[in-house]
Amino acid sequence: MCDSSISIDCFKDFKVMDAGGKPLSYTVEGQFPLGNPQYFKGSPSMKVPNGGGLTLIRIPGAPHKGGDTYLVKAEMNALKNQGLGEFITRSFTISISAVKIIEGKYSFRGPSPYLINFDKWNVETGWSSGPVPGYCAATSNTQCAKRYSLPLGMRFGLTVNLTTKLTGWLHGRVKAPEVEVSTNSFGGSTVKVLAEPIKVPVNAVWVNNDTAPQSVKDYYANKPNYGARIFGLQSDELKPLNEIVLLRDGNMGHSAETLKEYLAWLPALGDKAQAMPTAWTIATMSSNQVANQVQQCLNQTDSLAGIVTTNAAEYFDGPPVFDKASGSLDYKVAATHYEPDGNTVFKGSYDLVMSSKVARCIYGFTQAPISATVSVTSDAGTQSAATTVVNERNGWLSLGAYNFTYSSPTIRVVLSGTSNSEVTPTPTPTPTIAAVKPVASKKVISCVKGKVTKKVTGTKPKCPSGYKKVA
């Protein structure tokens, strides 16, 4: 956390609110694990923050099954090639976990900070050699921060000060996020996020090669044999499925390809999740698959464009795809229909918080307010019942869709506004000049009475009584 000596590349203003919106008090218990090799002094000139452990926070008013302790993690991953003077940030992640510290034999985990360990391009040197169970959010040699489910309905928030300026998109595992992004005095980004944790389905299943669903066989039919020792040695004589590391893509991120792979496995999952842990995490977008229409607008802003979050098992971690034909922003997600008990219907959650400036650029809107509709279409092409919310505030457009069902629905957002081409400029008023009435010409007529002749002049001259007009 930020303190009197550290004000950048740290987080501050941790916040937690109960289901009724009441702020809860907390105490900072220190860092975990202590003695971590990552406790190194950074270099501001090279844009390397001070290294440290994760932050333990105790919240008496927010108990979970393992107690009332939480672990807050803010992590940056950066790269510096030879010849460069500073590190370039590749990814940024913040997360909150409910934990209980337990004793045992474990190991530190993380890359070594000692350059000599990376001699001869051994980039894996420094990773733990002892046990680091998956249920541990972090470990030391003697302790494990064992994960528990986060209490649902509550809202957790973090404000993070960074020397790096965040651009592009973030994605994550939260519900109904409120986001504020500003430029700080260091020229980097200050990011403030307040959101609810969500339940996320996890799938794990084994199938035999000969009885695997046809969709699985078809997906891997033309894949190269990216073998691994745990699946056997590489050999051209073996069938492809004997050598391919199955779901290797699904375990490495969230892209268009991982979504395709997950859909191939859906028939083998029994239409239910095998586990349903909770999550509260926000991360930079890892996928570079951004449509040109969207990318052009991202190039016009040097700040954060938006955040996409969902509780789907698999999704695309980039921005929605702009469908020019329908004028919609489409987003594809996938998950099984049921929770682990096989009976409880798993309800979907999707949130899009987008910079109003970027949204107007994509559509070519003016600065007029934006309105939007959100719909969810099932993979069968039918409209799914969903609760949707839309609002625009402080330069951010927030859209949400909740309570829809899976397997692989498409979430479609259609924005409405006034396009630049439709705007008719208000004409500049032209000074008016009062019209001058024309002066009627006068006529002269001759009028006779006996031997007396009179001339009468006027616009409509008439002879006096007893006189006759002389032609």
Protein backbone atom coordinates (compact mmCIF):
# COMPACT_ATOMS: atom_id res chain seq x y z
CA MET A 1 0.00 0.00 0.00
CA CYS A 2 1.00 3.63 -0.46
CA ASP A 3 2.49 5.31 2.59
CA SER A 4 4.48 8.42 3.50
CA SER A 5 7.56 7.12 1.68
CA ILE A 6 5.89 5.52 -1.37
CA SER A 7 3.27 7.40 -3.40
CA ILE A 8 3.60 5.83 -6.84
CA ASP A 9 3.27 2.25 -8.12
CA CYS A 10 1.24 1.39 -5.05
CA PHE A 11 -2.42 1.14 -4.14
CA LYS A 12 -4.39 3.25 -1.71
CA ASP A 13 -7.95 3.90 -0.61
CA PHE A 14 -8.92 0.26 -0.18
CA LYS A 15 -12.68 0.20 0.29
CA VAL A 16 -15.27 -2.42 1.22
CA MET A 17 -19.04 -1.98 1.48
CA ASP A 18 -21.69 -4.43 2.68
CA ALA A 19 -24.73 -5.45 0.65
CA GLY A 20 -26.60 -2.39 1.91
CA GLY A 21 -23.87 0.00 0.76
CA LYS A 22 -22.47 0.66 4.26
CA PRO A 23 -18.66 1.19 4.35
CA LEU A 24 -16.84 -1.31 6.57
CA SER A 25 -13.70 -0.63 8.61
CA TYR A 26 -10.51 -2.64 8.14
CA THR A 27 -6.94 -2.92 9.38
CA VAL A 28 -3.77 -3.55 7.39
CA GLU A 29 -2.02 -6.60 8.85
CA GLY A 30 1.18 -6.30 6.80
CA GLN A 31 2.66 -8.05 3.77
CA PHE A 32 2.70 -11.74 2.86
CA PRO A 33 4.94 -13.58 2.39
CA LEU A 34 7.82 -12.02 4.29
CA GLY A 35 11.36 -12.73 3.10
CA ASN A 36 10.20 -13.02 -0.50
CA PRO A 37 13.11 -12.66 -3.01
CA GLN A 38 10.98 -10.08 -4.81
CA TYR A 39 11.60 -7.55 -2.00
CA PHE A 40 14.01 -5.48 -4.10
CA LYS A 41 14.52 -1.74 -4.45
CA GLY A 42 13.16 -0.34 -7.68
CA SER A 43 14.57 2.17 -10.12
CA PRO A 44 12.35 5.16 -10.98
CA SER A 45 14.55 6.09 -13.94
CA MET A 46 14.07 2.62 -15.42
CA LYS A 47 10.38 2.56 -14.43
CA VAL A 48 10.81 -0.37 -12.04
CA PRO A 49 8.70 -0.08 -8.86
CA ASN A 50 9.85 -1.42 -5.51
CA GLY A 51 9.19 -5.13 -5.18
CA GLY A 52 7.32 -6.58 -2.22
CA GLY A 53 4.75 -9.03 -1.00
CA LEU A 54 0.98 -9.05 -1.14
CA THR A 55 -1.00 -7.02 1.40
CA LEU A 56 -2.99 -8.73 4.16
CA ILE A 57 -6.13 -6.87 5.25
CA ARG A 58 -8.51 -7.84 8.04
CA ILE A 59 -12.19 -6.91 7.69
CA PRO A 60 -14.18 -7.92 10.84
CA GLY A 61 -17.48 -6.94 9.20
CA ALA A 62 -16.92 -9.19 6.18
CA PRO A 63 -16.42 -12.73 7.51
CA HIS A 64 -15.92 -15.68 5.14
CA LYS A 65 -15.63 -19.41 5.81
CA GLY A 66 -11.93 -19.12 6.57
CA GLY A 67 -12.08 -16.07 8.84
CA ASP A 68 -11.96 -12.36 8.03
CA THR A 69 -8.57 -11.98 6.32
CA TYR A 70 -8.15 -10.83 2.72
CA LEU A 71 -5.16 -10.69 0.40
CA VAL A 72 -4.77 -7.76 -2.02
CA LYS A 73 -2.48 -8.22 -4.99
CA ALA A 74 -1.26 -5.55 -7.43
CA GLU A 75 1.17 -6.92 -9.99
CA MET A 76 3.00 -5.46 -12.97
CA ASN A 77 4.91 -7.42 -15.61
CA ALA A 78 7.47 -5.55 -17.67
CA LEU A 79 10.19 -6.21 -20.21
CA LYS A 80 13.46 -4.49 -21.12
CA ASN A 81 15.48 -5.56 -24.12
CA GLN A 82 19.15 -4.75 -24.53
CA GLY A 83 19.65 -1.18 -25.64
CA LEU A 84 16.50 0.14 -23.99
CA GLY A 85 16.87 2.52 -21.07
CA GLU A 86 13.67 1.57 -19.27
CA PHE A 87 11.23 -1.29 -18.78
CA ILE A 88 8.02 -1.41 -20.84
CA THR A 89 4.95 -2.57 -18.94
CA ARG A 90 3.31 -5.54 -20.64
CA SER A 91 0.54 -6.32 -18.18
CA PHE A 92 -1.06 -5.09 -14.99
CA THR A 93 -3.35 -7.05 -12.64
CA ILE A 94 -5.16 -6.30 -9.39
CA SER A 95 -7.05 -8.91 -7.37
CA ILE A 96 -8.65 -9.49 -3.98
CA SER A 97 -8.87 -12.95 -2.37
CA ALA A 98 -10.44 -14.23 0.85
CA VAL A 99 -7.74 -16.26 2.65
CA LYS A 100 -6.63 -18.04 5.81
CA ILE A 101 -2.94 -18.40 6.66
CA ILE A 102 -2.08 -22.04 7.32
CA GLU A 103 1.22 -23.70 8.27
CA GLY A 104 3.03 -26.35 6.23
CA LYS A 105 5.90 -27.05 3.87
CA TYR A 106 5.68 -24.90 0.78
CA SER A 107 7.92 -22.74 -1.39
CA PHE A 108 8.27 -19.18 -2.62
CA ARG A 109 7.04 -18.72 -6.15
CA GLY A 110 8.15 -16.15 -8.66
CA PRO A 111 10.97 -15.26 -11.05
CA SER A 112 14.39 -14.70 -9.52
CA PRO A 113 15.59 -11.09 -9.24
CA TYR A 114 19.19 -12.23 -9.62
CA LEU A 115 20.45 -11.82 -13.18
CA ILE A 116 23.09 -14.53 -12.85
CA ASN A 117 20.28 -17.09 -12.54
CA PHE A 118 19.18 -16.28 -16.09
CA ASP A 119 22.50 -17.10 -17.70
CA LYS A 120 22.25 -18.96 -21.03
CA TRP A 121 18.63 -17.80 -21.52
CA ASN A 122 17.30 -19.96 -18.70
CA VAL A 123 14.16 -17.90 -18.28
CA GLU A 124 12.54 -20.36 -15.86
CA THR A 125 15.29 -20.12 -13.25
CA GLY A 126 13.96 -18.83 -9.99
CA TRP A 127 10.54 -20.49 -10.03
CA SER A 128 9.63 -22.52 -6.99
CA SER A 129 11.10 -25.98 -6.63
CA GLY A 130 8.84 -26.97 -3.73
CA PRO A 131 5.07 -27.45 -3.56
CA VAL A 132 2.78 -24.50 -4.33
CA PRO A 133 -0.78 -25.91 -4.27
CA GLY A 134 -3.38 -24.29 -6.48
CA TYR A 135 -5.54 -23.46 -3.46
CA CYS A 136 -2.81 -21.11 -2.16
CA ALA A 137 -3.13 -17.50 -3.27
CA ALA A 138 0.50 -17.04 -2.15
CA THR A 139 3.10 -19.08 -0.25
CA SER A 140 6.31 -18.82 1.73
CA ASN A 141 8.52 -21.75 2.70
CA THR A 142 6.35 -22.44 5.76
CA GLN A 143 2.94 -20.82 5.12
CA CYS A 144 0.11 -20.79 2.59
CA ALA A 145 -2.60 -18.16 2.12
CA LYS A 146 -5.40 -20.65 1.50
CA ARG A 147 -8.21 -19.33 -0.68
CA TYR A 148 -11.87 -19.21 0.36
CA SER A 149 -14.96 -17.95 -1.42
CA LEU A 150 -15.47 -14.20 -1.33
CA PRO A 151 -18.79 -13.08 0.20
CA LEU A 152 -21.14 -12.18 -2.66
CA GLY A 153 -23.16 -8.97 -2.76
CA MET A 154 -20.42 -6.91 -1.15
CA ARG A 155 -18.38 -4.31 -3.04
CA PHE A 156 -14.60 -4.09 -2.88
CA GLY A 157 -12.60 -1.19 -4.26
CA LEU A 158 -9.00 -0.18 -4.94
CA THR A 159 -7.31 2.97 -6.13
CA VAL A 160 -3.94 2.35 -7.79
CA ASN A 161 -1.28 4.95 -8.63
CA LEU A 162 0.93 3.97 -11.57
CA THR A 163 3.89 5.54 -13.36
CA THR A 164 2.60 3.76 -16.45
CA LYS A 165 -0.24 5.31 -18.42
CA LEU A 166 -2.86 2.66 -19.04
CA THR A 167 -4.34 2.66 -22.51
CA GLY A 168 -6.53 0.22 -24.41
CA TRP A 169 -8.80 -2.14 -22.52
CA LEU A 170 -8.98 -3.97 -19.21
CA HIS A 171 -10.93 -7.17 -18.62
CA GLY A 172 -11.84 -9.01 -15.48
CA ARG A 173 -13.92 -11.08 -13.13
CA VAL A 174 -16.16 -8.62 -11.29
CA LYS A 175 -19.76 -7.46 -11.46
CA ALA A 176 -21.18 -3.95 -11.89
CA PRO A 177 -17.84 -2.09 -11.85
CA GLU A 178 -17.60 1.64 -11.23
CA VAL A 179 -14.47 3.06 -12.83
CA GLU A 180 -12.56 6.33 -12.62
CA VAL A 181 -9.30 6.96 -14.48
CA SER A 182 -7.20 10.12 -14.27
CA THR A 183 -3.66 11.28 -15.05
CA ASN A 184 -1.54 11.73 -11.95
CA SER A 185 1.35 14.12 -11.23
CA PHE A 186 3.84 11.47 -12.41
CA GLY A 187 2.27 11.38 -15.87
CA GLY A 188 0.88 7.91 -15.27
CA SER A 189 -2.64 6.64 -14.53
CA THR A 190 -4.57 6.61 -11.30
CA VAL A 191 -7.19 3.88 -11.62
CA LYS A 192 -10.11 3.54 -9.22
CA VAL A 193 -12.33 0.45 -9.38
CA LEU A 194 -15.27 -0.45 -7.12
CA ALA A 195 -17.09 -3.71 -7.94
CA GLU A 196 -18.72 -6.90 -6.65
CA PRO A 197 -17.02 -10.31 -6.74
CA ILE A 198 -18.64 -12.98 -8.90
CA LYS A 199 -18.86 -16.76 -9.12
CA VAL A 200 -16.98 -18.25 -12.08
CA PRO A 201 -17.57 -21.79 -13.42
CA VAL A 202 -14.50 -24.01 -13.74
CA ASN A 203 -14.51 -27.06 -16.01
CA ALA A 204 -12.31 -30.17 -15.94
CA VAL A 205 -13.05 -33.44 -17.71
CA TRP A 206 -11.25 -36.47 -19.20
CA VAL A 207 -12.38 -38.27 -22.33
CA ASN A 208 -10.96 -41.29 -24.15
CA ASN A 209 -9.73 -40.71 -27.67
CA ASP A 210 -12.12 -43.20 -29.22
CA THR A 211 -15.19 -41.93 -27.35
CA ALA A 212 -14.41 -38.22 -27.50
CA PRO A 213 -17.20 -36.04 -28.96
CA GLN A 214 -16.81 -35.43 -32.68
CA SER A 215 -16.43 -31.69 -32.00
CA VAL A 216 -13.26 -32.41 -29.98
CA LYS A 217 -11.84 -34.65 -32.73
CA ASP A 218 -12.65 -32.07 -35.39
CA TYR A 219 -11.04 -29.23 -33.46
CA TYR A 220 -7.72 -31.04 -33.04
CA ALA A 221 -7.74 -32.75 -36.44
CA ASN A 222 -5.41 -30.24 -38.07
CA LYS A 223 -3.53 -29.06 -35.00
CA PRO A 224 0.24 -29.63 -34.84
CA ASN A 225 1.50 -32.04 -32.21
CA TYR A 226 2.51 -29.66 -29.45
CA GLY A 227 3.44 -32.50 -27.11
CA ALA A 228 4.51 -32.36 -23.48
CA ARG A 229 6.18 -35.00 -21.33
CA ILE A 230 3.15 -35.44 -19.10
CA PHE A 231 1.21 -36.52 -22.16
CA GLY A 232 3.95 -38.66 -23.69
CA LEU A 233 6.94 -38.10 -25.93
CA GLN A 234 6.50 -36.50 -29.31
CA SER A 235 6.31 -38.98 -32.16
CA ASP A 236 4.93 -38.80 -35.66
CA GLU A 237 3.83 -42.43 -35.34
CA LEU A 238 1.25 -41.67 -32.63
CA LYS A 239 -2.19 -40.33 -33.27
CA PRO A 240 -2.52 -36.53 -32.91
CA LEU A 241 -4.66 -36.69 -29.76
CA ASN A 242 -1.99 -38.72 -27.96
CA GLU A 243 0.48 -35.86 -28.28
CA ILE A 244 -1.43 -32.58 -28.23
CA VAL A 245 -1.59 -30.76 -24.91
CA LEU A 246 -5.36 -30.57 -24.68
CA LEU A 247 -6.88 -27.24 -23.73
CA ARG A 248 -3.45 -25.66 -23.87
CA ASP A 249 -5.09 -22.55 -25.33
CA GLY A 250 -7.87 -22.45 -22.77
CA ASN A 251 -5.32 -22.37 -19.97
CA MET A 252 -3.26 -19.56 -21.49
CA GLY A 253 -5.70 -16.66 -21.78
CA HIS A 254 -8.98 -15.68 -23.40
CA SER A 255 -8.93 -15.20 -27.15
CA ALA A 256 -11.08 -16.04 -30.17
CA GLU A 257 -9.21 -19.35 -30.43
CA THR A 258 -9.66 -20.32 -26.76
CA LEU A 259 -13.37 -19.65 -27.12
CA LYS A 260 -13.50 -21.92 -30.17
CA GLU A 261 -11.64 -24.65 -28.28
CA TYR A 262 -13.96 -24.37 -25.27
CA LEU A 263 -17.04 -24.71 -27.49
CA ALA A 264 -15.57 -27.91 -28.94
CA TRP A 265 -15.36 -29.35 -25.42
CA LEU A 266 -18.85 -28.30 -24.29
CA PRO A 267 -20.52 -31.61 -25.29
CA ALA A 268 -18.10 -33.48 -23.00
CA LEU A 269 -18.75 -31.35 -19.91
CA GLY A 270 -22.19 -32.69 -18.99
CA ASP A 271 -23.55 -29.14 -19.16
CA LYS A 272 -22.46 -28.37 -15.60
CA ALA A 273 -19.48 -26.76 -13.91
CA GLN A 274 -17.12 -28.96 -11.95
CA ALA A 275 -16.38 -26.14 -9.49
CA MET A 276 -17.66 -22.61 -8.84
CA PRO A 277 -15.07 -20.40 -7.11
CA THR A 278 -15.47 -16.66 -6.63
CA ALA A 279 -13.23 -13.98 -8.09
CA TRP A 280 -12.44 -10.27 -7.94
CA THR A 281 -9.79 -9.43 -10.50
CA ILE A 282 -9.03 -6.77 -13.12
CA ALA A 283 -6.24 -7.11 -15.70
CA THR A 284 -4.93 -5.51 -18.87
CA MET A 285 -6.13 -7.01 -22.12
CA SER A 286 -3.82 -9.73 -23.37
CA SER A 287 -5.33 -10.20 -26.81
CA ASN A 288 -4.30 -8.07 -29.77
CA GLN A 289 -7.28 -9.07 -31.88
CA VAL A 290 -8.95 -5.67 -32.14
CA ALA A 291 -11.09 -4.79 -35.14
CA ASN A 292 -9.82 -1.89 -37.28
CA GLN A 293 -12.92 0.21 -36.60
CA VAL A 294 -12.27 -0.03 -32.86
CA GLN A 295 -8.48 0.22 -33.08
CA GLN A 296 -8.65 3.46 -35.04
CA CYS A 297 -10.62 5.01 -32.21
CA LEU A 298 -8.28 3.59 -29.57
CA ASN A 299 -5.38 5.25 -31.39
CA GLN A 300 -7.04 8.62 -30.84
CA THR A 301 -6.96 8.41 -27.06
CA ASP A 302 -3.99 8.13 -24.72
CA SER A 303 -6.05 6.91 -21.78
CA LEU A 304 -8.08 3.86 -20.82
CA ALA A 305 -10.77 2.99 -23.37
CA GLY A 306 -12.88 0.62 -21.29
CA ILE A 307 -13.34 -2.49 -19.16
CA VAL A 308 -15.15 -5.71 -20.08
CA THR A 309 -16.07 -8.12 -17.27
CA THR A 310 -18.06 -11.34 -17.21
CA ASN A 311 -18.61 -14.51 -15.18
CA ALA A 312 -18.48 -16.73 -18.29
CA ALA A 313 -16.14 -19.73 -18.21
CA GLU A 314 -14.67 -18.61 -21.53
CA TYR A 315 -14.78 -15.25 -23.25
CA PHE A 316 -12.84 -12.90 -25.47
CA ASP A 317 -10.80 -10.55 -23.31
CA GLY A 318 -10.71 -7.77 -25.89
CA PRO A 319 -13.26 -5.08 -26.64
CA PRO A 320 -16.59 -5.97 -28.28
CA VAL A 321 -16.53 -6.49 -32.04
CA PHE A 322 -18.18 -3.72 -34.05
CA ASP A 323 -20.66 -5.14 -36.59
CA LYS A 324 -21.01 -2.40 -39.17
CA ALA A 325 -23.97 -4.08 -40.89
CA SER A 326 -26.11 -4.15 -37.75
CA GLY A 327 -24.45 -1.15 -36.12
CA SER A 328 -23.89 -3.15 -32.94
CA LEU A 329 -21.08 -4.04 -30.56
CA ASP A 330 -21.11 -7.83 -30.23
CA TYR A 331 -19.50 -9.87 -27.48
CA LYS A 332 -19.33 -13.66 -27.33
CA VAL A 333 -19.25 -15.65 -24.07
CA ALA A 334 -19.60 -19.35 -23.18
CA ALA A 335 -20.27 -21.52 -20.14
CA THR A 336 -22.22 -24.58 -19.04
CA HIS A 337 -25.89 -24.13 -18.12
CA TYR A 338 -25.75 -25.49 -14.57
CA GLU A 339 -23.77 -25.09 -11.38
CA PRO A 340 -21.94 -28.16 -9.96
CA ASP A 341 -25.12 -29.68 -8.47
CA GLY A 342 -26.48 -30.14 -12.00
CA ASN A 343 -29.81 -28.50 -11.06
CA THR A 344 -29.15 -24.85 -10.26
CA VAL A 345 -29.23 -22.75 -13.44
CA PHE A 346 -26.08 -20.63 -13.74
CA LYS A 347 -27.05 -17.01 -14.45
CA GLY A 348 -24.80 -14.91 -16.65
CA SER A 349 -23.24 -11.55 -15.91
CA TYR A 350 -21.71 -9.08 -18.38
CA ASP A 351 -20.55 -5.50 -17.89
CA LEU A 352 -19.08 -3.04 -20.36
CA VAL A 353 -17.72 0.27 -19.11
CA MET A 354 -16.57 2.28 -22.12
CA SER A 355 -15.15 5.76 -22.54
CA SER A 356 -17.91 7.92 -23.99
CA LYS A 357 -15.28 9.48 -26.26
CA VAL A 358 -14.33 6.08 -27.72
CA ALA A 359 -17.98 5.06 -28.11
CA ARG A 360 -18.77 8.26 -30.02
CA CYS A 361 -15.72 7.73 -32.24
CA ILE A 362 -16.72 4.16 -33.16
CA TYR A 363 -20.19 5.28 -34.17
CA GLY A 364 -19.36 8.77 -35.41
CA PHE A 365 -21.64 10.36 -32.86
CA THR A 366 -21.62 13.98 -31.78
CA GLN A 367 -21.21 15.14 -28.20
CA ALA A 368 -24.93 14.61 -27.65
CA PRO A 369 -25.90 12.09 -24.92
CA ILE A 370 -25.78 8.44 -25.92
CA SER A 371 -28.59 5.98 -25.35
CA ALA A 372 -28.27 2.23 -25.77
CA THR A 373 -30.07 -1.08 -25.79
CA VAL A 374 -28.56 -4.37 -24.62
CA SER A 375 -29.84 -7.72 -25.84
CA VAL A 376 -28.71 -11.33 -25.34
CA THR A 377 -29.19 -13.83 -28.15
CA SER A 378 -28.76 -17.54 -27.43
CA ASP A 379 -26.66 -19.82 -29.63
CA ALA A 380 -29.98 -21.06 -31.06
CA GLY A 381 -30.73 -17.53 -32.28
CA THR A 382 -33.50 -16.73 -29.79
CA GLN A 383 -33.64 -13.74 -27.47
CA SER A 384 -32.74 -14.64 -23.89
CA ALA A 385 -34.45 -12.98 -20.98
CA ALA A 386 -31.98 -10.67 -19.28
CA THR A 387 -31.89 -7.72 -16.91
CA THR A 388 -30.05 -4.83 -18.56
CA VAL A 389 -28.80 -1.47 -17.32
CA VAL A 390 -27.48 1.50 -19.26
CA ASN A 391 -26.20 4.87 -18.07
CA GLU A 392 -23.67 7.53 -18.97
CA ARG A 393 -21.86 9.48 -16.25
CA ASN A 394 -18.59 11.37 -15.86
CA GLY A 395 -17.40 10.52 -19.35
CA TRP A 396 -18.09 6.78 -19.06
CA LEU A 397 -20.84 4.72 -20.64
CA SER A 398 -21.88 1.76 -18.44
CA LEU A 399 -23.86 -1.17 -19.82
CA GLY A 400 -24.75 -4.41 -18.08
CA ALA A 401 -26.65 -7.61 -18.81
CA TYR A 402 -27.49 -10.04 -16.00
CA ASN A 403 -29.45 -13.24 -15.32
CA PHE A 404 -29.22 -14.66 -18.85
CA THR A 405 -28.39 -18.32 -19.39
CA TYR A 406 -25.55 -20.01 -21.29
CA SER A 407 -24.13 -22.08 -23.40
CA SER A 408 -22.73 -19.57 -25.91
CA PRO A 409 -24.88 -16.46 -26.19
CA THR A 410 -23.99 -13.28 -28.04
CA ILE A 411 -24.38 -10.04 -26.11
CA ARG A 412 -25.33 -7.25 -28.48
CA VAL A 413 -25.11 -3.56 -27.63
CA VAL A 414 -26.72 -1.03 -29.98
CA LEU A 415 -25.96 2.61 -29.25
CA SER A 416 -28.17 5.46 -30.38
CA GLY A 417 -27.17 9.06 -30.88
CA THR A 418 -26.85 11.78 -33.47
CA SER A 419 -24.20 11.07 -36.08
CA ASN A 420 -21.88 13.79 -37.28
CA SER A 421 -23.24 13.46 -40.81
CA GLU A 422 -26.79 14.03 -39.57
CA VAL A 423 -26.02 17.22 -37.73
CA THR A 424 -27.39 20.32 -39.49
CA PRO A 425 -25.45 23.37 -38.35
CA THR A 426 -27.65 26.08 -36.87
CA PRO A 427 -27.52 28.96 -39.38
CA THR A 428 -26.08 32.23 -38.19
CA PRO A 429 -28.96 34.73 -37.94
CA THR A 430 -28.86 37.29 -40.76
CA PRO A 431 -29.67 40.87 -39.67
CA THR A 432 -33.08 41.78 -41.05
CA ILE A 433 -33.77 45.09 -42.74
CA ALA A 434 -37.28 46.52 -42.46
CA ALA A 435 -39.00 46.51 -45.82
CA VAL A 436 -39.72 49.92 -47.30
CA LYS A 437 -43.28 50.23 -48.64
CA PRO A 438 -43.35 51.57 -52.18
CA VAL A 439 -44.89 55.01 -52.59
CA ALA A 440 -47.98 54.86 -54.82
CA SER A 441 -47.79 57.17 -57.86
CA LYS A 442 -50.24 60.08 -58.05
CA LYS A 443 -52.66 60.65 -60.94
CA VAL A 444 -54.24 63.82 -62.32
CA ILE A 445 -57.77 63.85 -63.77
CA SER A 446 -59.87 66.61 -65.29
CA CYS A 447 -63.42 67.20 -64.06
CA VAL A 448 -66.04 69.45 -65.86
CA LYS A 449 -69.24 71.15 -64.59
CA GLY A 450 -70.77 73.33 -67.22
CA LYS A 451 -68.06 75.74 -68.37
CA VAL A 452 -65.92 75.08 -65.21
CA THR A 453 -63.00 72.65 -65.41
CA LYS A 454 -61.09 71.35 -62.33
CA LYS A 455 -57.99 69.21 -62.11
CA VAL A 456 -57.97 66.64 -59.24
CA THR A 457 -54.69 65.09 -58.13
CA GLY A 458 -54.35 61.88 -55.97
CA THR A 459 -53.50 58.24 -55.94
CA LYS A 460 -57.17 57.50 -56.63
CA PRO A 461 -58.59 60.84 -57.74
CA LYS A 462 -62.38 61.30 -57.93
CA CYS A 463 -64.37 64.14 -59.36
CA PRO A 464 -66.32 66.29 -56.88
CA SER A 465 -70.11 65.98 -56.69
CA GLY A 466 -71.71 67.48 -59.85
CA TYR A 467 -68.51 67.17 -61.89
CA LYS A 468 -67.82 64.66 -64.59
CA LYS A 469 -64.52 63.17 -65.46
CA VAL A 470 -63.17 64.19 -68.82
CA ALA A 471 -61.59 61.30 -70.65
